[in-house]
Amino acid sequence: MQDATGGPPSYEDADLWAVGLELTFSVLADADGSFTPVYNPSERLPMAYIVDRDGVIVWNEAGGTGSLEEMESVVLGLLGP
């Protein structure tokens, strides 16, 4: 939702994050600002989402208030036994 300098994101920024972190999931560059009001209406960073296999957001947090243990629990629950 922003680049490394805090400025507006670009597609190149998204690609750098994805390649640099070896991400295997989609990375969004909100270059025109249309994503932020929908998925981060209070504009609090960081934002984190867990999306299930059907593309449904099943967990989210704003401002880094959650814990890795909480996120892990949600992911493991989605993966099943």
PDB file of N, CA and C in Angstrom:
ATOM      1  N   MET A   1       0.818  -1.189   0.000  1.00  0.00           N
ATOM      2  CA  MET A   1       0.000   0.000   0.000  1.00  0.00           C
ATOM      3  C   MET A   1       0.858   1.248   0.000  1.00  0.00           C
ATOM      4  N   GLN A   2       2.144   1.057   0.172  1.00  0.00           N
ATOM      5  CA  GLN A   2       3.070   2.173   0.024  1.00  0.00           C
ATOM      6  C   GLN A   2       4.421   1.599  -0.366  1.00  0.00           C
ATOM      7  N   ASP A   3       5.269   2.457  -0.882  1.00  0.00           N
ATOM      8  CA  ASP A   3       6.598   1.965  -1.242  1.00  0.00           C
ATOM      9  C   ASP A   3       7.542   2.118  -0.051  1.00  0.00           C
ATOM     10  N   ALA A   4       8.791   1.761  -0.241  1.00  0.00           N
ATOM     11  CA  ALA A   4       9.752   1.771   0.857  1.00  0.00           C
ATOM     12  C   ALA A   4       9.992   3.165   1.430  1.00  0.00           C
ATOM     13  N   THR A   5       9.669   4.213   0.681  1.00  0.00           N
ATOM     14  CA  THR A   5       9.885   5.578   1.160  1.00  0.00           C
ATOM     15  C   THR A   5       8.624   6.192   1.746  1.00  0.00           C
ATOM     16  N   GLY A   6       7.506   5.445   1.739  1.00  0.00           N
ATOM     17  CA  GLY A   6       6.244   5.966   2.243  1.00  0.00           C
ATOM     18  C   GLY A   6       5.425   6.658   1.173  1.00  0.00           C
ATOM     19  N   GLY A   7       5.928   6.673  -0.061  1.00  0.00           N
ATOM     20  CA  GLY A   7       5.206   7.288  -1.166  1.00  0.00           C
ATOM     21  C   GLY A   7       4.214   6.332  -1.788  1.00  0.00           C
ATOM     22  N   PRO A   8       3.504   6.792  -2.799  1.00  0.00           N
ATOM     23  CA  PRO A   8       2.537   5.926  -3.480  1.00  0.00           C
ATOM     24  C   PRO A   8       3.229   4.699  -4.064  1.00  0.00           C
ATOM     25  N   PRO A   9       2.552   3.556  -4.034  1.00  0.00           N
ATOM     26  CA  PRO A   9       3.143   2.333  -4.554  1.00  0.00           C
ATOM     27  C   PRO A   9       3.175   2.319  -6.074  1.00  0.00           C
ATOM     28  N   SER A  10       3.999   1.456  -6.589  1.00  0.00           N
ATOM     29  CA  SER A  10       4.040   1.253  -8.037  1.00  0.00           C
ATOM     30  C   SER A  10       4.074  -0.239  -8.296  1.00  0.00           C
ATOM     31  N   TYR A  11       3.835  -0.618  -9.532  1.00  0.00           N
ATOM     32  CA  TYR A  11       3.893  -2.029  -9.889  1.00  0.00           C
ATOM     33  C   TYR A  11       5.312  -2.562  -9.707  1.00  0.00           C
ATOM     34  N   GLU A  12       6.295  -1.700  -9.940  1.00  0.00           N
ATOM     35  CA  GLU A  12       7.684  -2.098  -9.748  1.00  0.00           C
ATOM     36  C   GLU A  12       7.967  -2.396  -8.272  1.00  0.00           C
ATOM     37  N   ASP A  13       7.399  -1.591  -7.365  1.00  0.00           N
ATOM     38  CA  ASP A  13       7.555  -1.836  -5.935  1.00  0.00           C
ATOM     39  C   ASP A  13       6.991  -3.206  -5.560  1.00  0.00           C
ATOM     40  N   ALA A  14       5.801  -3.508  -6.051  1.00  0.00           N
ATOM     41  CA  ALA A  14       5.168  -4.789  -5.745  1.00  0.00           C
ATOM     42  C   ALA A  14       6.037  -5.936  -6.240  1.00  0.00           C
ATOM     43  N   ASP A  15       6.588  -5.783  -7.427  1.00  0.00           N
ATOM     44  CA  ASP A  15       7.446  -6.823  -7.986  1.00  0.00           C
ATOM     45  C   ASP A  15       8.715  -6.986  -7.147  1.00  0.00           C
ATOM     46  N   LEU A  16       9.297  -5.873  -6.708  1.00  0.00           N
ATOM     47  CA  LEU A  16      10.495  -5.948  -5.868  1.00  0.00           C
ATOM     48  C   LEU A  16      10.225  -6.689  -4.559  1.00  0.00           C
ATOM     49  N   TRP A  17       9.084  -6.407  -3.939  1.00  0.00           N
ATOM     50  CA  TRP A  17       8.710  -7.112  -2.710  1.00  0.00           C
ATOM     51  C   TRP A  17       8.549  -8.598  -2.979  1.00  0.00           C
ATOM     52  N   ALA A  18       7.806  -8.930  -4.018  1.00  0.00           N
ATOM     53  CA  ALA A  18       7.518 -10.331  -4.319  1.00  0.00           C
ATOM     54  C   ALA A  18       8.796 -11.107  -4.634  1.00  0.00           C
ATOM     55  N   VAL A  19       9.638 -10.536  -5.468  1.00  0.00           N
ATOM     56  CA  VAL A  19      10.883 -11.211  -5.852  1.00  0.00           C
ATOM     57  C   VAL A  19      11.859 -11.239  -4.676  1.00  0.00           C
ATOM     58  N   GLY A  20      12.029 -10.110  -4.013  1.00  0.00           N
ATOM     59  CA  GLY A  20      12.986 -10.013  -2.912  1.00  0.00           C
ATOM     60  C   GLY A  20      12.668 -10.930  -1.743  1.00  0.00           C
ATOM     61  N   LEU A  21      11.388 -11.112  -1.472  1.00  0.00           N
ATOM     62  CA  LEU A  21      10.976 -11.965  -0.358  1.00  0.00           C
ATOM     63  C   LEU A  21      10.614 -13.376  -0.810  1.00  0.00           C
ATOM     64  N   GLU A  22      10.766 -13.640  -2.112  1.00  0.00           N
ATOM     65  CA  GLU A  22      10.433 -14.940  -2.696  1.00  0.00           C
ATOM     66  C   GLU A  22       9.002 -15.356  -2.367  1.00  0.00           C
ATOM     67  N   LEU A  23       8.078 -14.384  -2.488  1.00  0.00           N
ATOM     68  CA  LEU A  23       6.681 -14.653  -2.181  1.00  0.00           C
ATOM     69  C   LEU A  23       6.060 -15.528  -3.257  1.00  0.00           C
ATOM     70  N   THR A  24       5.174 -16.408  -2.833  1.00  0.00           N
ATOM     71  CA  THR A  24       4.492 -17.298  -3.777  1.00  0.00           C
ATOM     72  C   THR A  24       3.018 -16.940  -3.924  1.00  0.00           C
ATOM     73  N   PHE A  25       2.637 -15.793  -3.369  1.00  0.00           N
ATOM     74  CA  PHE A  25       1.254 -15.342  -3.469  1.00  0.00           C
ATOM     75  C   PHE A  25       1.221 -13.981  -4.158  1.00  0.00           C
ATOM     76  N   SER A  26       0.055 -13.580  -4.563  1.00  0.00           N
ATOM     77  CA  SER A  26      -0.105 -12.310  -5.269  1.00  0.00           C
ATOM     78  C   SER A  26       0.221 -11.129  -4.372  1.00  0.00           C
ATOM     79  N   VAL A  27       0.835 -10.109  -4.952  1.00  0.00           N
ATOM     80  CA  VAL A  27       1.154  -8.876  -4.246  1.00  0.00           C
ATOM     81  C   VAL A  27       0.474  -7.745  -4.993  1.00  0.00           C
ATOM     82  N   LEU A  28      -0.202  -6.881  -4.263  1.00  0.00           N
ATOM     83  CA  LEU A  28      -0.982  -5.803  -4.856  1.00  0.00           C
ATOM     84  C   LEU A  28      -0.232  -4.491  -4.844  1.00  0.00           C
ATOM     85  N   ALA A  29      -0.259  -3.808  -5.957  1.00  0.00           N
ATOM     86  CA  ALA A  29       0.227  -2.421  -6.023  1.00  0.00           C
ATOM     87  C   ALA A  29      -0.988  -1.543  -6.262  1.00  0.00           C
ATOM     88  N   ASP A  30      -1.369  -0.772  -5.272  1.00  0.00           N
ATOM     89  CA  ASP A  30      -2.552   0.089  -5.370  1.00  0.00           C
ATOM     90  C   ASP A  30      -2.143   1.430  -5.977  1.00  0.00           C
ATOM     91  N   ALA A  31      -1.671   1.382  -7.211  1.00  0.00           N
ATOM     92  CA  ALA A  31      -1.104   2.567  -7.860  1.00  0.00           C
ATOM     93  C   ALA A  31      -2.100   3.707  -8.026  1.00  0.00           C
ATOM     94  N   ASP A  32      -3.389   3.386  -8.183  1.00  0.00           N
ATOM     95  CA  ASP A  32      -4.371   4.457  -8.366  1.00  0.00           C
ATOM     96  C   ASP A  32      -5.150   4.781  -7.093  1.00  0.00           C
ATOM     97  N   GLY A  33      -4.841   4.078  -5.990  1.00  0.00           N
ATOM     98  CA  GLY A  33      -5.478   4.373  -4.706  1.00  0.00           C
ATOM     99  C   GLY A  33      -6.873   3.816  -4.518  1.00  0.00           C
ATOM    100  N   SER A  34      -7.353   2.963  -5.416  1.00  0.00           N
ATOM    101  CA  SER A  34      -8.720   2.450  -5.299  1.00  0.00           C
ATOM    102  C   SER A  34      -8.852   1.325  -4.283  1.00  0.00           C
ATOM    103  N   PHE A  35      -7.782   0.637  -3.968  1.00  0.00           N
ATOM    104  CA  PHE A  35      -7.826  -0.482  -3.031  1.00  0.00           C
ATOM    105  C   PHE A  35      -7.893  -0.017  -1.579  1.00  0.00           C
ATOM    106  N   THR A  36      -7.144   0.993  -1.240  1.00  0.00           N
ATOM    107  CA  THR A  36      -7.018   1.432   0.150  1.00  0.00           C
ATOM    108  C   THR A  36      -8.343   1.750   0.826  1.00  0.00           C
ATOM    109  N   PRO A  37      -9.238   2.525   0.236  1.00  0.00           N
ATOM    110  CA  PRO A  37     -10.494   2.838   0.936  1.00  0.00           C
ATOM    111  C   PRO A  37     -11.363   1.612   1.200  1.00  0.00           C
ATOM    112  N   VAL A  38     -11.226   0.577   0.395  1.00  0.00           N
ATOM    113  CA  VAL A  38     -12.048  -0.621   0.553  1.00  0.00           C
ATOM    114  C   VAL A  38     -11.479  -1.538   1.633  1.00  0.00           C
ATOM    115  N   TYR A  39     -10.182  -1.780   1.583  1.00  0.00           N
ATOM    116  CA  TYR A  39      -9.577  -2.758   2.474  1.00  0.00           C
ATOM    117  C   TYR A  39      -8.817  -2.164   3.649  1.00  0.00           C
ATOM    118  N   ASN A  40      -8.655  -0.873   3.676  1.00  0.00           N
ATOM    119  CA  ASN A  40      -7.999  -0.216   4.805  1.00  0.00           C
ATOM    120  C   ASN A  40      -8.627   1.167   4.989  1.00  0.00           C
ATOM    121  N   PRO A  41      -9.933   1.194   5.296  1.00  0.00           N
ATOM    122  CA  PRO A  41     -10.623   2.487   5.343  1.00  0.00           C
ATOM    123  C   PRO A  41     -10.081   3.462   6.374  1.00  0.00           C
ATOM    124  N   SER A  42      -9.478   2.962   7.445  1.00  0.00           N
ATOM    125  CA  SER A  42      -8.934   3.872   8.454  1.00  0.00           C
ATOM    126  C   SER A  42      -7.485   4.239   8.149  1.00  0.00           C
ATOM    127  N   GLU A  43      -6.938   3.674   7.061  1.00  0.00           N
ATOM    128  CA  GLU A  43      -5.566   3.931   6.611  1.00  0.00           C
ATOM    129  C   GLU A  43      -4.546   3.704   7.717  1.00  0.00           C
ATOM    130  N   ARG A  44      -4.738   2.625   8.467  1.00  0.00           N
ATOM    131  CA  ARG A  44      -3.792   2.238   9.516  1.00  0.00           C
ATOM    132  C   ARG A  44      -2.877   1.160   8.967  1.00  0.00           C
ATOM    133  N   LEU A  45      -1.596   1.331   9.176  1.00  0.00           N
ATOM    134  CA  LEU A  45      -0.627   0.342   8.722  1.00  0.00           C
ATOM    135  C   LEU A  45       0.088  -0.242   9.928  1.00  0.00           C
ATOM    136  N   PRO A  46       0.516  -1.457   9.906  1.00  0.00           N
ATOM    137  CA  PRO A  46       0.349  -2.379   8.797  1.00  0.00           C
ATOM    138  C   PRO A  46      -1.032  -3.000   8.806  1.00  0.00           C
ATOM    139  N   MET A  47      -1.447  -3.469   7.660  1.00  0.00           N
ATOM    140  CA  MET A  47      -2.672  -4.242   7.508  1.00  0.00           C
ATOM    141  C   MET A  47      -2.267  -5.661   7.160  1.00  0.00           C
ATOM    142  N   ALA A  48      -2.956  -6.620   7.723  1.00  0.00           N
ATOM    143  CA  ALA A  48      -2.688  -8.024   7.418  1.00  0.00           C
ATOM    144  C   ALA A  48      -4.014  -8.725   7.177  1.00  0.00           C
ATOM    145  N   TYR A  49      -4.032  -9.594   6.187  1.00  0.00           N
ATOM    146  CA  TYR A  49      -5.222 -10.367   5.847  1.00  0.00           C
ATOM    147  C   TYR A  49      -4.844 -11.823   5.675  1.00  0.00           C
ATOM    148  N   ILE A  50      -5.742 -12.717   6.047  1.00  0.00           N
ATOM    149  CA  ILE A  50      -5.629 -14.124   5.697  1.00  0.00           C
ATOM    150  C   ILE A  50      -6.843 -14.430   4.845  1.00  0.00           C
ATOM    151  N   VAL A  51      -6.577 -14.971   3.662  1.00  0.00           N
ATOM    152  CA  VAL A  51      -7.617 -15.254   2.679  1.00  0.00           C
ATOM    153  C   VAL A  51      -7.709 -16.764   2.502  1.00  0.00           C
ATOM    154  N   ASP A  52      -8.931 -17.304   2.549  1.00  0.00           N
ATOM    155  CA  ASP A  52      -9.067 -18.751   2.394  1.00  0.00           C
ATOM    156  C   ASP A  52      -8.990 -19.160   0.925  1.00  0.00           C
ATOM    157  N   ARG A  53      -9.097 -20.451   0.674  1.00  0.00           N
ATOM    158  CA  ARG A  53      -8.968 -20.984  -0.684  1.00  0.00           C
ATOM    159  C   ARG A  53     -10.034 -20.466  -1.636  1.00  0.00           C
ATOM    160  N   ASP A  54     -11.142 -20.005  -1.090  1.00  0.00           N
ATOM    161  CA  ASP A  54     -12.225 -19.471  -1.916  1.00  0.00           C
ATOM    162  C   ASP A  54     -12.097 -17.974  -2.148  1.00  0.00           C
ATOM    163  N   GLY A  55     -11.021 -17.389  -1.647  1.00  0.00           N
ATOM    164  CA  GLY A  55     -10.803 -15.958  -1.828  1.00  0.00           C
ATOM    165  C   GLY A  55     -11.536 -15.089  -0.826  1.00  0.00           C
ATOM    166  N   VAL A  56     -12.003 -15.673   0.264  1.00  0.00           N
ATOM    167  CA  VAL A  56     -12.733 -14.940   1.300  1.00  0.00           C
ATOM    168  C   VAL A  56     -11.762 -14.529   2.409  1.00  0.00           C
ATOM    169  N   ILE A  57     -11.824 -13.264   2.791  1.00  0.00           N
ATOM    170  CA  ILE A  57     -11.000 -12.796   3.910  1.00  0.00           C
ATOM    171  C   ILE A  57     -11.581 -13.391   5.181  1.00  0.00           C
ATOM    172  N   VAL A  58     -10.778 -14.216   5.875  1.00  0.00           N
ATOM    173  CA  VAL A  58     -11.253 -14.882   7.084  1.00  0.00           C
ATOM    174  C   VAL A  58     -10.640 -14.293   8.347  1.00  0.00           C
ATOM    175  N   TRP A  59      -9.639 -13.439   8.187  1.00  0.00           N
ATOM    176  CA  TRP A  59      -9.005 -12.809   9.340  1.00  0.00           C
ATOM    177  C   TRP A  59      -8.319 -11.547   8.856  1.00  0.00           C
ATOM    178  N   ASN A  60      -8.335 -10.511   9.698  1.00  0.00           N
ATOM    179  CA  ASN A  60      -7.598  -9.291   9.359  1.00  0.00           C
ATOM    180  C   ASN A  60      -7.244  -8.551  10.635  1.00  0.00           C
ATOM    181  N   GLU A  61      -6.256  -7.700  10.514  1.00  0.00           N
ATOM    182  CA  GLU A  61      -5.894  -6.838  11.633  1.00  0.00           C
ATOM    183  C   GLU A  61      -5.365  -5.527  11.090  1.00  0.00           C
ATOM    184  N   ALA A  62      -5.548  -4.496  11.869  1.00  0.00           N
ATOM    185  CA  ALA A  62      -5.054  -3.168  11.502  1.00  0.00           C
ATOM    186  C   ALA A  62      -4.109  -2.677  12.579  1.00  0.00           C
ATOM    187  N   GLY A  63      -3.004  -2.118  12.159  1.00  0.00           N
ATOM    188  CA  GLY A  63      -2.087  -1.499  13.094  1.00  0.00           C
ATOM    189  C   GLY A  63      -1.174  -2.437  13.852  1.00  0.00           C
ATOM    190  N   GLY A  64      -1.080  -3.681  13.424  1.00  0.00           N
ATOM    191  CA  GLY A  64      -0.159  -4.612  14.057  1.00  0.00           C
ATOM    192  C   GLY A  64      -0.538  -5.014  15.463  1.00  0.00           C
ATOM    193  N   THR A  65      -1.830  -5.161  15.740  1.00  0.00           N
ATOM    194  CA  THR A  65      -2.276  -5.470  17.092  1.00  0.00           C
ATOM    195  C   THR A  65      -2.344  -6.960  17.380  1.00  0.00           C
ATOM    196  N   GLY A  66      -2.344  -7.792  16.336  1.00  0.00           N
ATOM    197  CA  GLY A  66      -2.442  -9.234  16.532  1.00  0.00           C
ATOM    198  C   GLY A  66      -1.094  -9.857  16.830  1.00  0.00           C
ATOM    199  N   SER A  67      -1.097 -11.170  16.944  1.00  0.00           N
ATOM    200  CA  SER A  67       0.145 -11.876  17.230  1.00  0.00           C
ATOM    201  C   SER A  67       0.395 -12.929  16.159  1.00  0.00           C
ATOM    202  N   LEU A  68       1.636 -13.324  16.025  1.00  0.00           N
ATOM    203  CA  LEU A  68       1.972 -14.390  15.082  1.00  0.00           C
ATOM    204  C   LEU A  68       1.287 -15.687  15.476  1.00  0.00           C
ATOM    205  N   GLU A  69       1.133 -15.926  16.765  1.00  0.00           N
ATOM    206  CA  GLU A  69       0.457 -17.132  17.229  1.00  0.00           C
ATOM    207  C   GLU A  69      -0.994 -17.149  16.766  1.00  0.00           C
ATOM    208  N   GLU A  70      -1.643 -16.000  16.828  1.00  0.00           N
ATOM    209  CA  GLU A  70      -3.035 -15.897  16.381  1.00  0.00           C
ATOM    210  C   GLU A  70      -3.133 -16.174  14.887  1.00  0.00           C
ATOM    211  N   MET A  71      -2.231 -15.576  14.117  1.00  0.00           N
ATOM    212  CA  MET A  71      -2.229 -15.799  12.675  1.00  0.00           C
ATOM    213  C   MET A  71      -1.952 -17.266  12.356  1.00  0.00           C
ATOM    214  N   GLU A  72      -0.991 -17.844  13.048  1.00  0.00           N
ATOM    215  CA  GLU A  72      -0.653 -19.251  12.819  1.00  0.00           C
ATOM    216  C   GLU A  72      -1.856 -20.151  13.097  1.00  0.00           C
ATOM    217  N   SER A  73      -2.571 -19.865  14.160  1.00  0.00           N
ATOM    218  CA  SER A  73      -3.747 -20.649  14.516  1.00  0.00           C
ATOM    219  C   SER A  73      -4.795 -20.607  13.414  1.00  0.00           C
ATOM    220  N   VAL A  74      -5.023 -19.433  12.852  1.00  0.00           N
ATOM    221  CA  VAL A  74      -6.003 -19.281  11.771  1.00  0.00           C
ATOM    222  C   VAL A  74      -5.559 -20.061  10.540  1.00  0.00           C
ATOM    223  N   VAL A  75      -4.301 -19.904  10.163  1.00  0.00           N
ATOM    224  CA  VAL A  75      -3.781 -20.605   8.978  1.00  0.00           C
ATOM    225  C   VAL A  75      -3.852 -22.116   9.173  1.00  0.00           C
ATOM    226  N   LEU A  76      -3.417 -22.606  10.323  1.00  0.00           N
ATOM    227  CA  LEU A  76      -3.453 -24.045  10.565  1.00  0.00           C
ATOM    228  C   LEU A  76      -4.885 -24.564  10.562  1.00  0.00           C
ATOM    229  N   GLY A  77      -5.815 -23.765  11.067  1.00  0.00           N
ATOM    230  CA  GLY A  77      -7.219 -24.160  11.023  1.00  0.00           C
ATOM    231  C   GLY A  77      -7.735 -24.264   9.595  1.00  0.00           C
ATOM    232  N   LEU A  78      -7.276 -23.398   8.734  1.00  0.00           N
ATOM    233  CA  LEU A  78      -7.689 -23.453   7.326  1.00  0.00           C
ATOM    234  C   LEU A  78      -7.064 -24.651   6.614  1.00  0.00           C
ATOM    235  N   LEU A  79      -5.859 -25.020   6.996  1.00  0.00           N
ATOM    236  CA  LEU A  79      -5.187 -26.138   6.353  1.00  0.00           C
ATOM    237  C   LEU A  79      -5.778 -27.470   6.769  1.00  0.00           C
ATOM    238  N   GLY A  80      -6.425 -27.504   7.940  1.00  0.00           N
ATOM    239  CA  GLY A  80      -7.064 -28.720   8.416  1.00  0.00           C
ATOM    240  C   GLY A  80      -6.071 -29.707   9.000  1.00  0.00           C
ATOM    241  N   PRO A  81      -6.603 -30.863   9.411  1.00  0.00           N
ATOM    242  CA  PRO A  81      -5.741 -31.880  10.063  1.00  0.00           C
ATOM    243  C   PRO A  81      -4.736 -32.485   9.108  1.00  0.00           C
TER     244      PRO A  81
END
